[in-house]
Structures are given as structure tokens and as C-alpha cells.
Amino acid sequence: MTNFQRVGSASNTQVGVDFERLAILSLNAAGLRVRPRFSVPVGVGDLKKEHVFDFGSADPPVLVECKCHRWTTAGNVPSAKLTVWNEAMYYFAVAPIGFHRILFVLRDFSPARNQSLAEHYLSWYRHLVPDGVEVWELDEADNTCRVLFPGV
């Protein structure tokens, strides 16, 4: 059996929990008061079903999905993991109108490619990012956050 455990971590679940803790601190610092596991009805047309976003709020209306992915250990694109970024874009597209939507990701820079994973994602999949969605990138090295897309 192949071990897909992130090197140096207690568990992949713990990696996600730790990243979400940093995310909520960054969101709060930006003035967004959100709560975890925020649910809204999503869907195409009249048929809707509740979907739970990582964070959200009704006031102000905001939805946040967090992704803590890295380049592969060999420096390759983690293609399967980027499909869940595309899935997040779909949920943002079918979410209720009027919500501020944020994809909050870990900054993982590839010197060989001279770009972060989020920059790579946007260069390949920008056409799947709905209008109004922002991509925020958290740099763990200095605990800074920047809005990568749309650029400010």
C-alpha cells in the first residue's frame, strides 16, 4: 500500500485542521468574521441541496473553501488534487448570488517552475474560475496572506 501521508505531519487530517486555523486568523485579520462548516443551498436551476463550505457567514455573506496542497515531492503538478480546486469552483458557481467567494490556499512555491501552485492553477484553469471568486494565498514562512486573484 502506498503511503500518501504528508512528510513531517502527524496526519493529513491534522494538516487540514492546522491550515484552517491559520485561514480563519487571516480572514479575521481582513475583517471577515466567519464560522466553520457554513452551509448554504447550492444547485443548478430550481433544484437545490445544502452544501457545507469550510467557512462562511450570512452577515456579511461570504463563502470560503480552503485547500492546503503542495507540489509533489518530485516537483510535479498534483493533478488529482487540483481537481478538487475545480470542484470548489463549481460549488462557487452554483452558490447563492450575493456571496463573496474565496478560495483560500497554501502558498507552495516551485523554484524550478518559478511559480506557486496557485499561480500554476490560474495559468491552466482560469477559465473555470467564476467571476467574483478571489484566490487568497497564505505563505506559511512569514504568515502573510495576499489576494492572488483577482490582482489588486
Protein backbone atom coordinates (compact mmCIF):
# COMPACT_ATOMS: atom_id res chain seq x y z
CA MET A 1 0.00 0.00 0.00
CA THR A 2 1.31 3.45 -0.89
CA ASN A 3 1.58 5.99 1.93
CA PHE A 4 0.16 9.38 0.93
CA GLN A 5 0.87 10.92 4.32
CA ARG A 6 2.39 14.40 4.15
CA VAL A 7 6.03 14.21 5.21
CA GLY A 8 6.59 15.57 8.71
CA SER A 9 2.93 15.66 9.75
CA ALA A 10 1.02 13.68 12.33
CA SER A 11 -1.81 13.10 9.83
CA ASN A 12 -3.26 14.66 6.71
CA THR A 13 -6.35 15.49 8.75
CA GLN A 14 -4.19 17.42 11.21
CA VAL A 15 -2.55 19.29 8.31
CA GLY A 16 -6.01 20.46 7.23
CA VAL A 17 -7.05 21.42 10.76
CA ASP A 18 -3.86 23.41 11.29
CA PHE A 19 -4.24 25.17 7.93
CA GLU A 20 -7.86 26.07 8.62
CA ARG A 21 -6.78 27.57 11.95
CA LEU A 22 -4.35 29.84 10.06
CA ALA A 23 -7.01 30.61 7.47
CA ILE A 24 -9.56 31.83 9.99
CA LEU A 25 -6.92 34.06 11.63
CA SER A 26 -6.12 35.62 8.24
CA LEU A 27 -9.79 36.05 7.39
CA ASN A 28 -10.46 37.68 10.76
CA ALA A 29 -7.45 39.99 10.28
CA ALA A 30 -9.00 41.05 6.96
CA GLY A 31 -12.24 41.91 8.77
CA LEU A 32 -14.20 38.82 7.73
CA ARG A 33 -15.91 37.14 10.67
CA VAL A 34 -16.71 33.63 9.52
CA ARG A 35 -17.68 30.42 11.21
CA PRO A 36 -16.61 26.89 10.30
CA ARG A 37 -18.76 24.43 8.36
CA PHE A 38 -21.12 27.01 6.90
CA SER A 39 -23.99 25.54 4.87
CA VAL A 40 -25.97 27.10 2.01
CA PRO A 41 -28.26 25.66 -0.66
CA VAL A 42 -26.48 25.17 -3.99
CA GLY A 43 -27.61 23.85 -7.33
CA VAL A 44 -28.49 24.42 -10.93
CA GLY A 45 -31.97 25.73 -11.68
CA ASP A 46 -34.70 25.17 -9.12
CA LEU A 47 -33.24 22.04 -7.54
CA LYS A 48 -31.02 22.91 -4.55
CA LYS A 49 -29.16 20.87 -1.96
CA GLU A 50 -27.27 22.01 1.13
CA HIS A 51 -23.50 22.18 0.71
CA VAL A 52 -21.11 22.76 3.59
CA PHE A 53 -18.27 25.18 2.89
CA ASP A 54 -15.17 25.24 5.09
CA PHE A 55 -16.12 28.69 6.39
CA GLY A 56 -18.81 31.22 5.79
CA SER A 57 -21.16 33.84 7.11
CA ALA A 58 -24.59 35.21 6.30
CA ASP A 59 -23.59 38.69 7.52
CA PRO A 60 -21.51 39.63 5.67
CA PRO A 61 -22.34 36.98 3.06
CA VAL A 62 -19.11 35.09 2.41
CA LEU A 63 -18.16 31.51 1.47
CA VAL A 64 -14.65 30.10 1.87
CA GLU A 65 -13.07 26.87 0.69
CA CYS A 66 -9.57 26.01 1.98
CA LYS A 67 -7.00 23.92 0.12
CA CYS A 68 -3.63 23.06 1.65
CA HIS A 69 -1.98 21.31 -1.29
CA ARG A 70 1.66 21.23 -2.37
CA TRP A 71 3.64 20.34 -5.45
CA THR A 72 4.53 16.63 -5.43
CA THR A 73 7.81 15.62 -3.78
CA ALA A 74 9.24 15.18 -7.29
CA GLY A 75 8.15 18.74 -8.17
CA ASN A 76 5.30 17.68 -10.41
CA VAL A 77 1.80 19.10 -10.60
CA PRO A 78 -0.56 17.36 -8.15
CA SER A 79 -3.20 16.97 -10.87
CA ALA A 80 -5.64 14.92 -8.82
CA LYS A 81 -5.56 17.48 -6.02
CA LEU A 82 -6.21 20.33 -8.43
CA THR A 83 -9.42 18.60 -9.48
CA VAL A 84 -10.79 19.41 -6.01
CA TRP A 85 -9.92 23.06 -6.66
CA ASN A 86 -12.05 22.78 -9.81
CA GLU A 87 -14.81 21.19 -7.75
CA ALA A 88 -14.66 24.17 -5.37
CA MET A 89 -15.07 26.48 -8.38
CA TYR A 90 -18.18 24.58 -9.40
CA TYR A 91 -19.69 24.94 -5.94
CA PHE A 92 -18.87 28.65 -6.00
CA ALA A 93 -20.58 28.92 -9.42
CA VAL A 94 -23.81 27.33 -8.15
CA ALA A 95 -23.81 29.07 -4.75
CA PRO A 96 -26.43 31.72 -3.98
CA ILE A 97 -25.93 35.08 -5.64
CA GLY A 98 -24.55 37.83 -3.43
CA PHE A 99 -21.96 35.82 -1.53
CA HIS A 100 -18.32 36.91 -1.51
CA ARG A 101 -16.43 33.73 -2.51
CA ILE A 102 -12.84 32.93 -1.53
CA LEU A 103 -10.58 30.02 -2.38
CA PHE A 104 -8.00 30.13 0.43
CA VAL A 105 -4.85 28.18 -0.45
CA LEU A 106 -1.39 27.44 0.85
CA ARG A 107 1.45 29.19 -0.97
CA ASP A 108 3.77 26.46 -2.21
CA PHE A 109 6.44 27.87 -4.50
CA SER A 110 8.31 25.82 -7.09
CA PRO A 111 11.72 27.34 -7.87
CA ALA A 112 12.01 25.10 -10.94
CA ARG A 113 8.73 26.46 -12.33
CA ASN A 114 9.18 29.92 -10.80
CA GLN A 115 5.58 29.97 -9.64
CA SER A 116 3.38 28.95 -6.77
CA LEU A 117 0.85 26.16 -7.10
CA ALA A 118 -1.97 28.72 -7.10
CA GLU A 119 -0.26 30.69 -9.88
CA HIS A 120 0.05 27.46 -11.86
CA TYR A 121 -3.62 26.69 -11.22
CA LEU A 122 -4.69 30.09 -12.50
CA SER A 123 -2.49 29.82 -15.59
CA TRP A 124 -4.11 26.49 -16.53
CA TYR A 125 -7.64 26.73 -15.11
CA ARG A 126 -8.54 30.43 -15.02
CA HIS A 127 -11.37 29.69 -17.44
CA LEU A 128 -13.06 27.65 -14.68
CA VAL A 129 -12.89 30.39 -12.03
CA PRO A 130 -16.29 32.11 -11.81
CA ASP A 131 -16.43 35.89 -11.92
CA GLY A 132 -16.13 37.36 -8.46
CA VAL A 133 -14.15 34.48 -6.91
CA GLU A 134 -10.97 35.54 -5.14
CA VAL A 135 -7.92 33.35 -4.61
CA TRP A 136 -6.09 34.10 -1.37
CA GLU A 137 -2.65 32.60 -0.81
CA LEU A 138 -1.16 32.08 2.66
CA ASP A 139 2.62 31.98 2.99
CA GLU A 140 3.44 29.79 5.99
CA ALA A 141 7.05 31.02 6.07
CA ASP A 142 6.13 34.52 7.22
CA ASN A 143 2.42 34.03 7.97
CA THR A 144 1.37 36.61 5.38
CA CYS A 145 -1.64 36.41 3.13
CA ARG A 146 -2.15 38.02 -0.25
CA VAL A 147 -5.03 38.17 -2.66
CA LEU A 148 -3.53 36.48 -5.69
CA PHE A 149 -6.61 36.77 -7.87
CA PRO A 150 -8.09 38.99 -8.91
CA GLY A 151 -4.98 41.09 -8.57
CA VAL A 152 -5.21 44.29 -6.60
